Amino acid sequence: MKIKTSIPRLFISTIVAVLLLGASTAQSAKQAELTEEQAIARVRAILRNKVSSCRITKTQSVSAIRIKAGWRVTARIKMSASGGSTTETAVWIVSAKNGAAAQNQLTAELANGCP
């Protein structure tokens, strides 16, 4: 008994299978990415852990901008130093794959517990 399958039907089935596989791969890749809220939450957690050792008196704002590598998260913080208070800006690149990477001197100092 011969099995008859038309070429167009086989071609369409192959295309549908490839599209479904691509869609599921893209969806799983999206699930691995962080949301803006998750990226901000990671930075807020870092700042909370460094309040006393780095003399952070207040977190004024934390914002995130989507970039190719993940999220560029900027935090404006007040720090006490030499009897006064200064406003500083700390910047991280946050991604699901690499975590939070320091992008300026202040952020690197925060990551190392401050001098």
PDB file of N, CA and C in Angstrom:
ATOM      1  N   MET A   1       0.833  -1.168   0.000  1.00  0.00           N
ATOM      2  CA  MET A   1       0.000   0.000   0.000  1.00  0.00           C
ATOM      3  C   MET A   1       0.886   1.243   0.000  1.00  0.00           C
ATOM      4  N   LYS A   2       0.621   2.118  -0.883  1.00  0.00           N
ATOM      5  CA  LYS A   2       1.386   3.353  -0.979  1.00  0.00           C
ATOM      6  C   LYS A   2       0.715   4.438  -0.158  1.00  0.00           C
ATOM      7  N   ILE A   3       1.559   5.223   0.503  1.00  0.00           N
ATOM      8  CA  ILE A   3       1.053   6.362   1.260  1.00  0.00           C
ATOM      9  C   ILE A   3       1.182   7.588   0.375  1.00  0.00           C
ATOM     10  N   LYS A   4       0.075   8.222   0.168  1.00  0.00           N
ATOM     11  CA  LYS A   4       0.081   9.411  -0.672  1.00  0.00           C
ATOM     12  C   LYS A   4       0.012  10.647   0.216  1.00  0.00           C
ATOM     13  N   THR A   5       1.031  11.457   0.145  1.00  0.00           N
ATOM     14  CA  THR A   5       1.051  12.730   0.849  1.00  0.00           C
ATOM     15  C   THR A   5       1.426  13.790  -0.168  1.00  0.00           C
ATOM     16  N   SER A   6       0.606  14.747  -0.270  1.00  0.00           N
ATOM     17  CA  SER A   6       0.901  15.788  -1.245  1.00  0.00           C
ATOM     18  C   SER A   6       2.051  16.656  -0.742  1.00  0.00           C
ATOM     19  N   ILE A   7       2.854  17.101  -1.653  1.00  0.00           N
ATOM     20  CA  ILE A   7       4.003  17.945  -1.329  1.00  0.00           C
ATOM     21  C   ILE A   7       3.572  19.230  -0.623  1.00  0.00           C
ATOM     22  N   PRO A   8       2.551  19.934  -1.091  1.00  0.00           N
ATOM     23  CA  PRO A   8       2.156  21.165  -0.389  1.00  0.00           C
ATOM     24  C   PRO A   8       1.745  20.903   1.058  1.00  0.00           C
ATOM     25  N   ARG A   9       1.026  19.802   1.302  1.00  0.00           N
ATOM     26  CA  ARG A   9       0.590  19.495   2.669  1.00  0.00           C
ATOM     27  C   ARG A   9       1.808  19.216   3.559  1.00  0.00           C
ATOM     28  N   LEU A  10       2.773  18.464   3.044  1.00  0.00           N
ATOM     29  CA  LEU A  10       3.994  18.167   3.792  1.00  0.00           C
ATOM     30  C   LEU A  10       4.774  19.450   4.064  1.00  0.00           C
ATOM     31  N   PHE A  11       4.850  20.308   3.070  1.00  0.00           N
ATOM     32  CA  PHE A  11       5.552  21.583   3.204  1.00  0.00           C
ATOM     33  C   PHE A  11       4.897  22.458   4.274  1.00  0.00           C
ATOM     34  N   ILE A  12       3.574  22.540   4.245  1.00  0.00           N
ATOM     35  CA  ILE A  12       2.844  23.344   5.230  1.00  0.00           C
ATOM     36  C   ILE A  12       3.033  22.770   6.627  1.00  0.00           C
ATOM     37  N   SER A  13       2.996  21.455   6.769  1.00  0.00           N
ATOM     38  CA  SER A  13       3.200  20.819   8.079  1.00  0.00           C
ATOM     39  C   SER A  13       4.583  21.134   8.631  1.00  0.00           C
ATOM     40  N   THR A  14       5.580  21.118   7.764  1.00  0.00           N
ATOM     41  CA  THR A  14       6.949  21.426   8.186  1.00  0.00           C
ATOM     42  C   THR A  14       7.057  22.876   8.646  1.00  0.00           C
ATOM     43  N   ILE A  15       6.462  23.780   7.914  1.00  0.00           N
ATOM     44  CA  ILE A  15       6.501  25.202   8.283  1.00  0.00           C
ATOM     45  C   ILE A  15       5.812  25.424   9.623  1.00  0.00           C
ATOM     46  N   VAL A  16       4.656  24.808   9.818  1.00  0.00           N
ATOM     47  CA  VAL A  16       3.933  24.952  11.081  1.00  0.00           C
ATOM     48  C   VAL A  16       4.775  24.429  12.240  1.00  0.00           C
ATOM     49  N   ALA A  17       5.429  23.279  12.053  1.00  0.00           N
ATOM     50  CA  ALA A  17       6.268  22.707  13.112  1.00  0.00           C
ATOM     51  C   ALA A  17       7.426  23.635  13.453  1.00  0.00           C
ATOM     52  N   VAL A  18       8.058  24.212  12.449  1.00  0.00           N
ATOM     53  CA  VAL A  18       9.179  25.127  12.675  1.00  0.00           C
ATOM     54  C   VAL A  18       8.711  26.385  13.399  1.00  0.00           C
ATOM     55  N   LEU A  19       7.572  26.922  13.004  1.00  0.00           N
ATOM     56  CA  LEU A  19       7.051  28.120  13.663  1.00  0.00           C
ATOM     57  C   LEU A  19       6.691  27.846  15.117  1.00  0.00           C
ATOM     58  N   LEU A  20       6.088  26.699  15.387  1.00  0.00           N
ATOM     59  CA  LEU A  20       5.746  26.359  16.769  1.00  0.00           C
ATOM     60  C   LEU A  20       6.993  26.181  17.618  1.00  0.00           C
ATOM     61  N   LEU A  21       8.009  25.538  17.064  1.00  0.00           N
ATOM     62  CA  LEU A  21       9.261  25.356  17.796  1.00  0.00           C
ATOM     63  C   LEU A  21       9.911  26.702  18.069  1.00  0.00           C
ATOM     64  N   GLY A  22       9.929  27.583  17.082  1.00  0.00           N
ATOM     65  CA  GLY A  22      10.497  28.918  17.265  1.00  0.00           C
ATOM     66  C   GLY A  22       9.745  29.720  18.298  1.00  0.00           C
ATOM     67  N   ALA A  23       8.433  29.615  18.312  1.00  0.00           N
ATOM     68  CA  ALA A  23       7.619  30.351  19.285  1.00  0.00           C
ATOM     69  C   ALA A  23       7.880  29.860  20.695  1.00  0.00           C
ATOM     70  N   SER A  24       8.006  28.547  20.872  1.00  0.00           N
ATOM     71  CA  SER A  24       8.257  28.035  22.224  1.00  0.00           C
ATOM     72  C   SER A  24       9.658  28.395  22.691  1.00  0.00           C
ATOM     73  N   THR A  25      10.628  28.419  21.784  1.00  0.00           N
ATOM     74  CA  THR A  25      11.986  28.816  22.150  1.00  0.00           C
ATOM     75  C   THR A  25      12.026  30.286  22.528  1.00  0.00           C
ATOM     76  N   ALA A  26      11.357  31.128  21.767  1.00  0.00           N
ATOM     77  CA  ALA A  26      11.320  32.564  22.074  1.00  0.00           C
ATOM     78  C   ALA A  26      10.619  32.808  23.402  1.00  0.00           C
ATOM     79  N   GLN A  27       9.554  32.058  23.664  1.00  0.00           N
ATOM     80  CA  GLN A  27       8.828  32.239  24.920  1.00  0.00           C
ATOM     81  C   GLN A  27       9.695  31.825  26.106  1.00  0.00           C
ATOM     82  N   SER A  28      10.439  30.712  25.988  1.00  0.00           N
ATOM     83  CA  SER A  28      11.289  30.297  27.103  1.00  0.00           C
ATOM     84  C   SER A  28      12.434  31.279  27.306  1.00  0.00           C
ATOM     85  N   ALA A  29      12.927  31.893  26.228  1.00  0.00           N
ATOM     86  CA  ALA A  29      13.973  32.908  26.369  1.00  0.00           C
ATOM     87  C   ALA A  29      13.422  34.131  27.078  1.00  0.00           C
ATOM     88  N   LYS A  30      12.189  34.518  26.755  1.00  0.00           N
ATOM     89  CA  LYS A  30      11.581  35.668  27.421  1.00  0.00           C
ATOM     90  C   LYS A  30      11.362  35.389  28.899  1.00  0.00           C
ATOM     91  N   GLN A  31      11.005  34.156  29.241  1.00  0.00           N
ATOM     92  CA  GLN A  31      10.765  33.816  30.631  1.00  0.00           C
ATOM     93  C   GLN A  31      12.048  33.921  31.448  1.00  0.00           C
ATOM     94  N   ALA A  32      13.201  33.715  30.811  1.00  0.00           N
ATOM     95  CA  ALA A  32      14.476  33.782  31.518  1.00  0.00           C
ATOM     96  C   ALA A  32      14.917  35.223  31.759  1.00  0.00           C
ATOM     97  N   GLU A  33      14.346  36.169  31.035  1.00  0.00           N
ATOM     98  CA  GLU A  33      14.715  37.569  31.204  1.00  0.00           C
ATOM     99  C   GLU A  33      14.052  38.153  32.450  1.00  0.00           C
ATOM    100  N   LEU A  34      14.665  39.193  32.968  1.00  0.00           N
ATOM    101  CA  LEU A  34      14.093  39.894  34.116  1.00  0.00           C
ATOM    102  C   LEU A  34      13.110  40.960  33.659  1.00  0.00           C
ATOM    103  N   THR A  35      12.139  41.224  34.487  1.00  0.00           N
ATOM    104  CA  THR A  35      11.252  42.351  34.236  1.00  0.00           C
ATOM    105  C   THR A  35      11.892  43.600  34.835  1.00  0.00           C
ATOM    106  N   GLU A  36      11.349  44.742  34.490  1.00  0.00           N
ATOM    107  CA  GLU A  36      11.838  46.003  35.055  1.00  0.00           C
ATOM    108  C   GLU A  36      11.714  45.981  36.579  1.00  0.00           C
ATOM    109  N   GLU A  37      10.588  45.486  37.073  1.00  0.00           N
ATOM    110  CA  GLU A  37      10.357  45.434  38.521  1.00  0.00           C
ATOM    111  C   GLU A  37      11.369  44.528  39.216  1.00  0.00           C
ATOM    112  N   GLN A  38      11.709  43.392  38.590  1.00  0.00           N
ATOM    113  CA  GLN A  38      12.687  42.478  39.183  1.00  0.00           C
ATOM    114  C   GLN A  38      14.078  43.103  39.221  1.00  0.00           C
ATOM    115  N   ALA A  39      14.458  43.806  38.159  1.00  0.00           N
ATOM    116  CA  ALA A  39      15.767  44.462  38.122  1.00  0.00           C
ATOM    117  C   ALA A  39      15.859  45.532  39.209  1.00  0.00           C
ATOM    118  N   ILE A  40      14.805  46.318  39.360  1.00  0.00           N
ATOM    119  CA  ILE A  40      14.781  47.351  40.404  1.00  0.00           C
ATOM    120  C   ILE A  40      14.815  46.708  41.784  1.00  0.00           C
ATOM    121  N   ALA A  41      14.088  45.616  41.965  1.00  0.00           N
ATOM    122  CA  ALA A  41      14.074  44.922  43.261  1.00  0.00           C
ATOM    123  C   ALA A  41      15.459  44.407  43.633  1.00  0.00           C
ATOM    124  N   ARG A  42      16.214  43.920  42.654  1.00  0.00           N
ATOM    125  CA  ARG A  42      17.578  43.446  42.938  1.00  0.00           C
ATOM    126  C   ARG A  42      18.459  44.585  43.436  1.00  0.00           C
ATOM    127  N   VAL A  43      18.355  45.735  42.800  1.00  0.00           N
ATOM    128  CA  VAL A  43      19.167  46.882  43.216  1.00  0.00           C
ATOM    129  C   VAL A  43      18.724  47.379  44.587  1.00  0.00           C
ATOM    130  N   ARG A  44      17.434  47.444  44.827  1.00  0.00           N
ATOM    131  CA  ARG A  44      16.950  47.856  46.156  1.00  0.00           C
ATOM    132  C   ARG A  44      17.462  46.907  47.243  1.00  0.00           C
ATOM    133  N   ALA A  45      17.523  45.613  46.951  1.00  0.00           N
ATOM    134  CA  ALA A  45      18.039  44.637  47.917  1.00  0.00           C
ATOM    135  C   ALA A  45      19.522  44.887  48.196  1.00  0.00           C
ATOM    136  N   ILE A  46      20.281  45.193  47.157  1.00  0.00           N
ATOM    137  CA  ILE A  46      21.708  45.506  47.340  1.00  0.00           C
ATOM    138  C   ILE A  46      21.850  46.725  48.246  1.00  0.00           C
ATOM    139  N   LEU A  47      21.084  47.761  47.959  1.00  0.00           N
ATOM    140  CA  LEU A  47      21.166  48.991  48.755  1.00  0.00           C
ATOM    141  C   LEU A  47      20.763  48.739  50.210  1.00  0.00           C
ATOM    142  N   ARG A  48      19.712  47.953  50.426  1.00  0.00           N
ATOM    143  CA  ARG A  48      19.274  47.637  51.797  1.00  0.00           C
ATOM    144  C   ARG A  48      20.376  46.936  52.587  1.00  0.00           C
ATOM    145  N   ASN A  49      21.106  46.051  51.918  1.00  0.00           N
ATOM    146  CA  ASN A  49      22.181  45.308  52.591  1.00  0.00           C
ATOM    147  C   ASN A  49      23.393  46.176  52.904  1.00  0.00           C
ATOM    148  N   LYS A  50      23.525  47.319  52.270  1.00  0.00           N
ATOM    149  CA  LYS A  50      24.701  48.183  52.444  1.00  0.00           C
ATOM    150  C   LYS A  50      24.407  49.454  53.236  1.00  0.00           C
ATOM    151  N   VAL A  51      23.210  49.577  53.795  1.00  0.00           N
ATOM    152  CA  VAL A  51      22.808  50.801  54.497  1.00  0.00           C
ATOM    153  C   VAL A  51      23.818  51.197  55.564  1.00  0.00           C
ATOM    154  N   SER A  52      24.147  50.296  56.464  1.00  0.00           N
ATOM    155  CA  SER A  52      25.040  50.689  57.567  1.00  0.00           C
ATOM    156  C   SER A  52      26.503  50.731  57.139  1.00  0.00           C
ATOM    157  N   SER A  53      26.974  49.712  56.409  1.00  0.00           N
ATOM    158  CA  SER A  53      28.397  49.677  56.051  1.00  0.00           C
ATOM    159  C   SER A  53      28.793  50.801  55.094  1.00  0.00           C
ATOM    160  N   CYS A  54      27.866  51.253  54.277  1.00  0.00           N
ATOM    161  CA  CYS A  54      28.171  52.317  53.313  1.00  0.00           C
ATOM    162  C   CYS A  54      27.537  53.652  53.689  1.00  0.00           C
ATOM    163  N   ARG A  55      26.954  53.732  54.864  1.00  0.00           N
ATOM    164  CA  ARG A  55      26.344  54.955  55.389  1.00  0.00           C
ATOM    165  C   ARG A  55      25.319  55.574  54.434  1.00  0.00           C
ATOM    166  N   ILE A  56      24.435  54.725  53.921  1.00  0.00           N
ATOM    167  CA  ILE A  56      23.341  55.201  53.070  1.00  0.00           C
ATOM    168  C   ILE A  56      22.218  55.652  53.995  1.00  0.00           C
ATOM    169  N   THR A  57      21.846  56.915  53.887  1.00  0.00           N
ATOM    170  CA  THR A  57      20.795  57.438  54.762  1.00  0.00           C
ATOM    171  C   THR A  57      19.417  57.421  54.103  1.00  0.00           C
ATOM    172  N   LYS A  58      19.390  57.455  52.761  1.00  0.00           N
ATOM    173  CA  LYS A  58      18.099  57.463  52.077  1.00  0.00           C
ATOM    174  C   LYS A  58      18.274  57.040  50.623  1.00  0.00           C
ATOM    175  N   THR A  59      17.322  56.260  50.129  1.00  0.00           N
ATOM    176  CA  THR A  59      17.257  55.957  48.701  1.00  0.00           C
ATOM    177  C   THR A  59      16.209  56.886  48.110  1.00  0.00           C
ATOM    178  N   GLN A  60      16.654  57.830  47.289  1.00  0.00           N
ATOM    179  CA  GLN A  60      15.728  58.809  46.713  1.00  0.00           C
ATOM    180  C   GLN A  60      14.915  58.226  45.564  1.00  0.00           C
ATOM    181  N   SER A  61      15.585  57.512  44.673  1.00  0.00           N
ATOM    182  CA  SER A  61      14.872  56.919  43.539  1.00  0.00           C
ATOM    183  C   SER A  61      15.682  55.776  42.952  1.00  0.00           C
ATOM    184  N   VAL A  62      14.973  54.848  42.330  1.00  0.00           N
ATOM    185  CA  VAL A  62      15.604  53.765  41.575  1.00  0.00           C
ATOM    186  C   VAL A  62      14.796  53.617  40.292  1.00  0.00           C
ATOM    187  N   SER A  63      15.478  53.708  39.151  1.00  0.00           N
ATOM    188  CA  SER A  63      14.786  53.592  37.867  1.00  0.00           C
ATOM    189  C   SER A  63      15.569  52.661  36.951  1.00  0.00           C
ATOM    190  N   ALA A  64      14.873  52.102  35.967  1.00  0.00           N
ATOM    191  CA  ALA A  64      15.511  51.160  35.047  1.00  0.00           C
ATOM    192  C   ALA A  64      15.154  51.506  33.609  1.00  0.00           C
ATOM    193  N   ILE A  65      16.136  51.313  32.734  1.00  0.00           N
ATOM    194  CA  ILE A  65      15.947  51.512  31.301  1.00  0.00           C
ATOM    195  C   ILE A  65      16.375  50.222  30.610  1.00  0.00           C
ATOM    196  N   ARG A  66      15.549  49.731  29.696  1.00  0.00           N
ATOM    197  CA  ARG A  66      15.848  48.503  28.969  1.00  0.00           C
ATOM    198  C   ARG A  66      16.998  48.750  28.009  1.00  0.00           C
ATOM    199  N   ILE A  67      18.000  47.869  28.053  1.00  0.00           N
ATOM    200  CA  ILE A  67      19.120  47.912  27.114  1.00  0.00           C
ATOM    201  C   ILE A  67      19.329  46.500  26.572  1.00  0.00           C
ATOM    202  N   LYS A  68      20.202  46.373  25.602  1.00  0.00           N
ATOM    203  CA  LYS A  68      20.432  45.079  24.967  1.00  0.00           C
ATOM    204  C   LYS A  68      20.906  44.023  25.969  1.00  0.00           C
ATOM    205  N   ALA A  69      21.752  44.400  26.912  1.00  0.00           N
ATOM    206  CA  ALA A  69      22.329  43.454  27.873  1.00  0.00           C
ATOM    207  C   ALA A  69      21.412  43.154  29.059  1.00  0.00           C
ATOM    208  N   GLY A  70      20.273  43.807  29.165  1.00  0.00           N
ATOM    209  CA  GLY A  70      19.372  43.608  30.301  1.00  0.00           C
ATOM    210  C   GLY A  70      18.702  44.911  30.687  1.00  0.00           C
ATOM    211  N   TRP A  71      19.013  45.395  31.882  1.00  0.00           N
ATOM    212  CA  TRP A  71      18.455  46.656  32.382  1.00  0.00           C
ATOM    213  C   TRP A  71      19.569  47.524  32.933  1.00  0.00           C
ATOM    214  N   ARG A  72      19.543  48.806  32.597  1.00  0.00           N
ATOM    215  CA  ARG A  72      20.465  49.775  33.199  1.00  0.00           C
ATOM    216  C   ARG A  72      19.686  50.407  34.341  1.00  0.00           C
ATOM    217  N   VAL A  73      20.096  50.067  35.572  1.00  0.00           N
ATOM    218  CA  VAL A  73      19.372  50.528  36.757  1.00  0.00           C
ATOM    219  C   VAL A  73      20.186  51.621  37.439  1.00  0.00           C
ATOM    220  N   THR A  74      19.554  52.762  37.648  1.00  0.00           N
ATOM    221  CA  THR A  74      20.193  53.917  38.272  1.00  0.00           C
ATOM    222  C   THR A  74      19.513  54.204  39.601  1.00  0.00           C
ATOM    223  N   ALA A  75      20.327  54.346  40.644  1.00  0.00           N
ATOM    224  CA  ALA A  75      19.798  54.663  41.974  1.00  0.00           C
ATOM    225  C   ALA A  75      20.386  55.984  42.445  1.00  0.00           C
ATOM    226  N   ARG A  76      19.535  56.867  42.914  1.00  0.00           N
ATOM    227  CA  ARG A  76      19.979  58.129  43.534  1.00  0.00           C
ATOM    228  C   ARG A  76      19.852  57.920  45.028  1.00  0.00           C
ATOM    229  N   ILE A  77      20.992  58.033  45.721  1.00  0.00           N
ATOM    230  CA  ILE A  77      21.018  57.770  47.159  1.00  0.00           C
ATOM    231  C   ILE A  77      21.672  58.914  47.907  1.00  0.00           C
ATOM    232  N   LYS A  78      21.281  59.086  49.162  1.00  0.00           N
ATOM    233  CA  LYS A  78      21.943  60.049  50.048  1.00  0.00           C
ATOM    234  C   LYS A  78      22.862  59.255  50.954  1.00  0.00           C
ATOM    235  N   MET A  79      24.083  59.766  51.085  1.00  0.00           N
ATOM    236  CA  MET A  79      25.081  59.126  51.938  1.00  0.00           C
ATOM    237  C   MET A  79      25.633  60.160  52.904  1.00  0.00           C
ATOM    238  N   SER A  80      25.898  59.710  54.124  1.00  0.00           N
ATOM    239  CA  SER A  80      26.517  60.625  55.087  1.00  0.00           C
ATOM    240  C   SER A  80      28.026  60.485  54.977  1.00  0.00           C
ATOM    241  N   ALA A  81      28.693  61.626  54.943  1.00  0.00           N
ATOM    242  CA  ALA A  81      30.147  61.634  54.835  1.00  0.00           C
ATOM    243  C   ALA A  81      30.684  62.909  55.466  1.00  0.00           C
ATOM    244  N   SER A  82      31.663  62.769  56.315  1.00  0.00           N
ATOM    245  CA  SER A  82      32.326  63.908  56.955  1.00  0.00           C
ATOM    246  C   SER A  82      31.333  64.865  57.611  1.00  0.00           C
ATOM    247  N   GLY A  83      30.343  64.321  58.271  1.00  0.00           N
ATOM    248  CA  GLY A  83      29.377  65.143  58.978  1.00  0.00           C
ATOM    249  C   GLY A  83      28.293  65.744  58.112  1.00  0.00           C
ATOM    250  N   GLY A  84      28.383  65.565  56.811  1.00  0.00           N
ATOM    251  CA  GLY A  84      27.372  66.108  55.901  1.00  0.00           C
ATOM    252  C   GLY A  84      26.667  64.998  55.143  1.00  0.00           C
ATOM    253  N   SER A  85      25.795  65.399  54.258  1.00  0.00           N
ATOM    254  CA  SER A  85      25.053  64.443  53.449  1.00  0.00           C
ATOM    255  C   SER A  85      25.259  64.777  51.983  1.00  0.00           C
ATOM    256  N   THR A  86      25.566  63.773  51.173  1.00  0.00           N
ATOM    257  CA  THR A  86      25.749  63.993  49.740  1.00  0.00           C
ATOM    258  C   THR A  86      24.797  63.092  48.958  1.00  0.00           C
ATOM    259  N   THR A  87      24.358  63.586  47.820  1.00  0.00           N
ATOM    260  CA  THR A  87      23.523  62.781  46.931  1.00  0.00           C
ATOM    261  C   THR A  87      24.421  62.180  45.868  1.00  0.00           C
ATOM    262  N   GLU A  88      24.343  60.870  45.723  1.00  0.00           N
ATOM    263  CA  GLU A  88      25.193  60.142  44.781  1.00  0.00           C
ATOM    264  C   GLU A  88      24.324  59.355  43.808  1.00  0.00           C
ATOM    265  N   THR A  89      24.915  58.995  42.672  1.00  0.00           N
ATOM    266  CA  THR A  89      24.227  58.174  41.676  1.00  0.00           C
ATOM    267  C   THR A  89      25.018  56.891  41.460  1.00  0.00           C
ATOM    268  N   ALA A  90      24.342  55.767  41.674  1.00  0.00           N
ATOM    269  CA  ALA A  90      24.960  54.455  41.467  1.00  0.00           C
ATOM    270  C   ALA A  90      24.283  53.795  40.268  1.00  0.00           C
ATOM    271  N   VAL A  91      25.081  53.118  39.430  1.00  0.00           N
ATOM    272  CA  VAL A  91      24.552  52.529  38.201  1.00  0.00           C
ATOM    273  C   VAL A  91      24.973  51.066  38.099  1.00  0.00           C
ATOM    274  N   TRP A  92      24.001  50.211  37.779  1.00  0.00           N
ATOM    275  CA  TRP A  92      24.246  48.791  37.554  1.00  0.00           C
ATOM    276  C   TRP A  92      23.667  48.392  36.205  1.00  0.00           C
ATOM    277  N   ILE A  93      24.246  47.336  35.606  1.00  0.00           N
ATOM    278  CA  ILE A  93      23.604  46.630  34.502  1.00  0.00           C
ATOM    279  C   ILE A  93      23.120  45.323  35.119  1.00  0.00           C
ATOM    280  N   VAL A  94      21.805  45.103  35.074  1.00  0.00           N
ATOM    281  CA  VAL A  94      21.206  43.934  35.717  1.00  0.00           C
ATOM    282  C   VAL A  94      20.630  43.019  34.643  1.00  0.00           C
ATOM    283  N   SER A  95      21.012  41.736  34.707  1.00  0.00           N
ATOM    284  CA  SER A  95      20.450  40.743  33.789  1.00  0.00           C
ATOM    285  C   SER A  95      20.258  39.433  34.539  1.00  0.00           C
ATOM    286  N   ALA A  96      19.404  38.578  34.002  1.00  0.00           N
ATOM    287  CA  ALA A  96      19.158  37.274  34.624  1.00  0.00           C
ATOM    288  C   ALA A  96      20.421  36.425  34.568  1.00  0.00           C
ATOM    289  N   LYS A  97      21.171  36.561  33.495  1.00  0.00           N
ATOM    290  CA  LYS A  97      22.366  35.737  33.300  1.00  0.00           C
ATOM    291  C   LYS A  97      23.533  36.184  34.182  1.00  0.00           C
ATOM    292  N   ASN A  98      23.775  37.485  34.266  1.00  0.00           N
ATOM    293  CA  ASN A  98      24.968  37.999  34.948  1.00  0.00           C
ATOM    294  C   ASN A  98      24.705  38.670  36.285  1.00  0.00           C
ATOM    295  N   GLY A  99      23.464  38.776  36.704  1.00  0.00           N
ATOM    296  CA  GLY A  99      23.159  39.452  37.965  1.00  0.00           C
ATOM    297  C   GLY A  99      23.338  40.949  37.827  1.00  0.00           C
ATOM    298  N   ALA A 100      23.776  41.593  38.903  1.00  0.00           N
ATOM    299  CA  ALA A 100      23.964  43.043  38.915  1.00  0.00           C
ATOM    300  C   ALA A 100      25.452  43.358  38.797  1.00  0.00           C
ATOM    301  N   ALA A 101      25.834  44.016  37.716  1.00  0.00           N
ATOM    302  CA  ALA A 101      27.235  44.362  37.473  1.00  0.00           C
ATOM    303  C   ALA A 101      27.438  45.861  37.679  1.00  0.00           C
ATOM    304  N   ALA A 102      28.441  46.211  38.480  1.00  0.00           N
ATOM    305  CA  ALA A 102      28.753  47.610  38.779  1.00  0.00           C
ATOM    306  C   ALA A 102      29.177  48.341  37.513  1.00  0.00           C
ATOM    307  N   GLN A 103      28.702  49.591  37.364  1.00  0.00           N
ATOM    308  CA  GLN A 103      29.019  50.380  36.179  1.00  0.00           C
ATOM    309  C   GLN A 103      29.709  51.699  36.484  1.00  0.00           C
ATOM    310  N   ASN A 104      29.929  52.007  37.761  1.00  0.00           N
ATOM    311  CA  ASN A 104      30.702  53.204  38.098  1.00  0.00           C
ATOM    312  C   ASN A 104      31.450  52.958  39.411  1.00  0.00           C
ATOM    313  N   GLN A 105      32.297  53.883  39.784  1.00  0.00           N
ATOM    314  CA  GLN A 105      33.147  53.719  40.965  1.00  0.00           C
ATOM    315  C   GLN A 105      32.329  53.519  42.237  1.00  0.00           C
ATOM    316  N   LEU A 106      31.301  54.325  42.422  1.00  0.00           N
ATOM    317  CA  LEU A 106      30.471  54.208  43.620  1.00  0.00           C
ATOM    318  C   LEU A 106      29.835  52.823  43.713  1.00  0.00           C
ATOM    319  N   THR A 107      29.315  52.342  42.603  1.00  0.00           N
ATOM    320  CA  THR A 107      28.673  51.032  42.589  1.00  0.00           C
ATOM    321  C   THR A 107      29.672  49.931  42.911  1.00  0.00           C
ATOM    322  N   ALA A 108      30.884  50.047  42.406  1.00  0.00           N
ATOM    323  CA  ALA A 108      31.928  49.070  42.724  1.00  0.00           C
ATOM    324  C   ALA A 108      32.254  49.101  44.217  1.00  0.00           C
ATOM    325  N   GLU A 109      32.301  50.292  44.802  1.00  0.00           N
ATOM    326  CA  GLU A 109      32.553  50.411  46.243  1.00  0.00           C
ATOM    327  C   GLU A 109      31.405  49.807  47.046  1.00  0.00           C
ATOM    328  N   LEU A 110      30.167  50.027  46.606  1.00  0.00           N
ATOM    329  CA  LEU A 110      29.017  49.423  47.277  1.00  0.00           C
ATOM    330  C   LEU A 110      29.107  47.898  47.231  1.00  0.00           C
ATOM    331  N   ALA A 111      29.513  47.358  46.087  1.00  0.00           N
ATOM    332  CA  ALA A 111      29.630  45.907  45.936  1.00  0.00           C
ATOM    333  C   ALA A 111      30.685  45.325  46.871  1.00  0.00           C
ATOM    334  N   ASN A 112      31.708  46.112  47.190  1.00  0.00           N
ATOM    335  CA  ASN A 112      32.791  45.634  48.055  1.00  0.00           C
ATOM    336  C   ASN A 112      32.630  46.058  49.507  1.00  0.00           C
ATOM    337  N   GLY A 113      31.474  46.576  49.874  1.00  0.00           N
ATOM    338  CA  GLY A 113      31.219  46.922  51.270  1.00  0.00           C
ATOM    339  C   GLY A 113      31.681  48.297  51.686  1.00  0.00           C
ATOM    340  N   CYS A 114      32.131  49.111  50.762  1.00  0.00           N
ATOM    341  CA  CYS A 114      32.610  50.479  51.019  1.00  0.00           C
ATOM    342  C   CYS A 114      33.889  50.483  51.856  1.00  0.00           C
ATOM    343  N   PRO A 115      34.719  51.517  51.683  1.00  0.00           N
ATOM    344  CA  PRO A 115      35.990  51.572  52.428  1.00  0.00           C
ATOM    345  C   PRO A 115      35.808  51.915  53.894  1.00  0.00           C
TER     346      PRO A 115
END
